[in-house]
Amino acid sequence: MTKKVLVLKGDYIGPEIVDEAVKVLKKVDQQFSLDIELEEGLLGGAAYDAVGEPCPEKT
């Protein structure tokens, strides 16, 4: 069964921290065959810049 994880980087230090967390999740998924599916969404200033609102409906 696939486990879906929504990845929200946000602003400030968020992208740096989340990028490292994603690396860990991918390694754990690979080693233990967890069948994790990562999907990125927009949040905060990045979302506002892209679509004009801080937490888009799609997220």
N, C-alpha and C. Protein backbone atom coordinates (compact mmCIF):
# COMPACT_ATOMS: atom_id res chain seq x y z
N MET A 1 0.85 -1.18 0.00
CA MET A 1 0.00 0.00 0.00
C MET A 1 0.89 1.25 0.00
N THR A 2 0.65 2.12 -0.93
CA THR A 2 1.43 3.34 -1.04
C THR A 2 1.07 4.32 0.07
N LYS A 3 2.10 4.90 0.67
CA LYS A 3 1.91 5.95 1.68
C LYS A 3 2.23 7.28 1.02
N LYS A 4 1.26 8.17 0.96
CA LYS A 4 1.45 9.47 0.33
C LYS A 4 1.86 10.49 1.38
N VAL A 5 2.91 11.25 1.06
CA VAL A 5 3.40 12.29 1.96
C VAL A 5 3.43 13.61 1.19
N LEU A 6 2.75 14.61 1.73
CA LEU A 6 2.76 15.93 1.13
C LEU A 6 3.94 16.71 1.69
N VAL A 7 4.79 17.20 0.82
CA VAL A 7 5.99 17.94 1.20
C VAL A 7 5.73 19.43 1.01
N LEU A 8 5.79 20.17 2.12
CA LEU A 8 5.56 21.62 2.09
C LEU A 8 6.83 22.32 2.60
N LYS A 9 7.57 22.91 1.69
CA LYS A 9 8.84 23.54 2.06
C LYS A 9 8.67 24.87 2.78
N GLY A 10 7.66 25.62 2.43
CA GLY A 10 7.44 26.90 3.08
C GLY A 10 8.51 27.91 2.75
N ASP A 11 8.85 28.74 3.74
CA ASP A 11 9.78 29.85 3.54
C ASP A 11 10.96 29.76 4.51
N TYR A 12 11.83 30.75 4.39
CA TYR A 12 12.99 30.91 5.26
C TYR A 12 13.86 29.66 5.22
N ILE A 13 14.08 29.00 6.35
CA ILE A 13 14.95 27.83 6.39
C ILE A 13 14.22 26.55 5.97
N GLY A 14 12.91 26.63 5.81
CA GLY A 14 12.11 25.46 5.46
C GLY A 14 12.62 24.64 4.30
N PRO A 15 12.91 25.27 3.15
CA PRO A 15 13.39 24.48 2.01
C PRO A 15 14.66 23.69 2.31
N GLU A 16 15.59 24.30 3.03
CA GLU A 16 16.84 23.59 3.36
C GLU A 16 16.58 22.39 4.25
N ILE A 17 15.75 22.57 5.26
CA ILE A 17 15.44 21.49 6.20
C ILE A 17 14.64 20.40 5.50
N VAL A 18 13.65 20.78 4.75
CA VAL A 18 12.79 19.80 4.08
C VAL A 18 13.57 19.02 3.03
N ASP A 19 14.47 19.66 2.31
CA ASP A 19 15.28 18.94 1.32
C ASP A 19 16.07 17.81 1.98
N GLU A 20 16.63 18.08 3.15
CA GLU A 20 17.39 17.05 3.88
C GLU A 20 16.46 15.96 4.40
N ALA A 21 15.29 16.34 4.89
CA ALA A 21 14.31 15.36 5.38
C ALA A 21 13.84 14.45 4.25
N VAL A 22 13.67 15.01 3.06
CA VAL A 22 13.26 14.22 1.90
C VAL A 22 14.34 13.20 1.55
N LYS A 23 15.60 13.59 1.63
CA LYS A 23 16.70 12.65 1.38
C LYS A 23 16.62 11.47 2.34
N VAL A 24 16.36 11.76 3.61
CA VAL A 24 16.25 10.71 4.63
C VAL A 24 15.06 9.81 4.32
N LEU A 25 13.91 10.40 4.02
CA LEU A 25 12.72 9.60 3.70
C LEU A 25 12.96 8.69 2.50
N LYS A 26 13.62 9.21 1.49
CA LYS A 26 13.89 8.40 0.30
C LYS A 26 14.82 7.23 0.63
N LYS A 27 15.82 7.47 1.45
CA LYS A 27 16.76 6.42 1.84
C LYS A 27 16.06 5.35 2.67
N VAL A 28 15.24 5.77 3.64
CA VAL A 28 14.49 4.84 4.48
C VAL A 28 13.51 4.04 3.62
N ASP A 29 12.85 4.71 2.69
CA ASP A 29 11.91 4.05 1.79
C ASP A 29 12.63 2.98 0.97
N GLN A 30 13.79 3.33 0.46
CA GLN A 30 14.57 2.42 -0.36
C GLN A 30 15.03 1.20 0.45
N GLN A 31 15.50 1.45 1.66
CA GLN A 31 16.06 0.37 2.48
C GLN A 31 14.98 -0.57 3.01
N PHE A 32 13.82 -0.03 3.37
CA PHE A 32 12.78 -0.84 4.00
C PHE A 32 11.56 -1.09 3.10
N SER A 33 11.64 -0.69 1.85
CA SER A 33 10.55 -0.90 0.88
C SER A 33 9.19 -0.45 1.44
N LEU A 34 9.12 0.80 1.86
CA LEU A 34 7.91 1.34 2.48
C LEU A 34 6.89 1.85 1.46
N ASP A 35 7.28 1.96 0.22
CA ASP A 35 6.39 2.44 -0.84
C ASP A 35 5.82 3.83 -0.52
N ILE A 36 6.74 4.77 -0.28
CA ILE A 36 6.37 6.15 0.02
C ILE A 36 6.34 6.96 -1.27
N GLU A 37 5.26 7.71 -1.46
CA GLU A 37 5.12 8.59 -2.61
C GLU A 37 5.14 10.03 -2.10
N LEU A 38 6.11 10.81 -2.55
CA LEU A 38 6.24 12.20 -2.13
C LEU A 38 5.62 13.13 -3.17
N GLU A 39 4.83 14.08 -2.70
CA GLU A 39 4.24 15.08 -3.59
C GLU A 39 4.48 16.46 -2.98
N GLU A 40 4.98 17.38 -3.78
CA GLU A 40 5.26 18.72 -3.28
C GLU A 40 4.05 19.63 -3.45
N GLY A 41 3.86 20.50 -2.47
CA GLY A 41 2.82 21.51 -2.53
C GLY A 41 3.40 22.86 -2.17
N LEU A 42 2.66 23.90 -2.44
CA LEU A 42 3.10 25.26 -2.14
C LEU A 42 2.50 25.74 -0.83
N LEU A 43 3.29 26.51 -0.09
CA LEU A 43 2.83 27.06 1.18
C LEU A 43 3.60 28.35 1.48
N GLY A 44 2.94 29.29 2.11
CA GLY A 44 3.60 30.52 2.54
C GLY A 44 3.92 31.47 1.40
N GLY A 45 5.04 32.15 1.54
CA GLY A 45 5.45 33.15 0.56
C GLY A 45 5.65 32.59 -0.83
N ALA A 46 6.18 31.38 -0.90
CA ALA A 46 6.38 30.74 -2.21
C ALA A 46 5.04 30.55 -2.91
N ALA A 47 4.04 30.15 -2.16
CA ALA A 47 2.70 29.97 -2.72
C ALA A 47 2.11 31.32 -3.12
N TYR A 48 2.29 32.30 -2.25
CA TYR A 48 1.75 33.64 -2.54
C TYR A 48 2.36 34.20 -3.82
N ASP A 49 3.67 34.03 -3.96
CA ASP A 49 4.35 34.51 -5.18
C ASP A 49 3.85 33.78 -6.42
N ALA A 50 3.59 32.50 -6.29
CA ALA A 50 3.19 31.69 -7.44
C ALA A 50 1.72 31.84 -7.82
N VAL A 51 0.83 31.87 -6.80
CA VAL A 51 -0.61 31.85 -7.10
C VAL A 51 -1.42 32.93 -6.39
N GLY A 52 -0.75 33.77 -5.60
CA GLY A 52 -1.45 34.89 -4.98
C GLY A 52 -2.15 34.60 -3.67
N GLU A 53 -1.91 33.44 -3.07
CA GLU A 53 -2.46 33.14 -1.75
C GLU A 53 -1.49 32.22 -0.99
N PRO A 54 -1.41 32.37 0.34
CA PRO A 54 -0.42 31.64 1.12
C PRO A 54 -0.68 30.14 1.29
N CYS A 55 -1.92 29.73 1.17
CA CYS A 55 -2.25 28.30 1.28
C CYS A 55 -3.29 27.96 0.21
N PRO A 56 -2.83 27.68 -1.00
CA PRO A 56 -3.76 27.42 -2.10
C PRO A 56 -4.65 26.20 -1.85
N GLU A 57 -5.82 26.23 -2.44
CA GLU A 57 -6.77 25.12 -2.32
C GLU A 57 -6.12 23.80 -2.75
N LYS A 58 -5.31 23.84 -3.81
CA LYS A 58 -4.67 22.62 -4.31
C LYS A 58 -3.77 21.99 -3.25
N THR A 59 -3.14 22.80 -2.41
CA THR A 59 -2.27 22.28 -1.36
C THR A 59 -3.09 21.52 -0.36
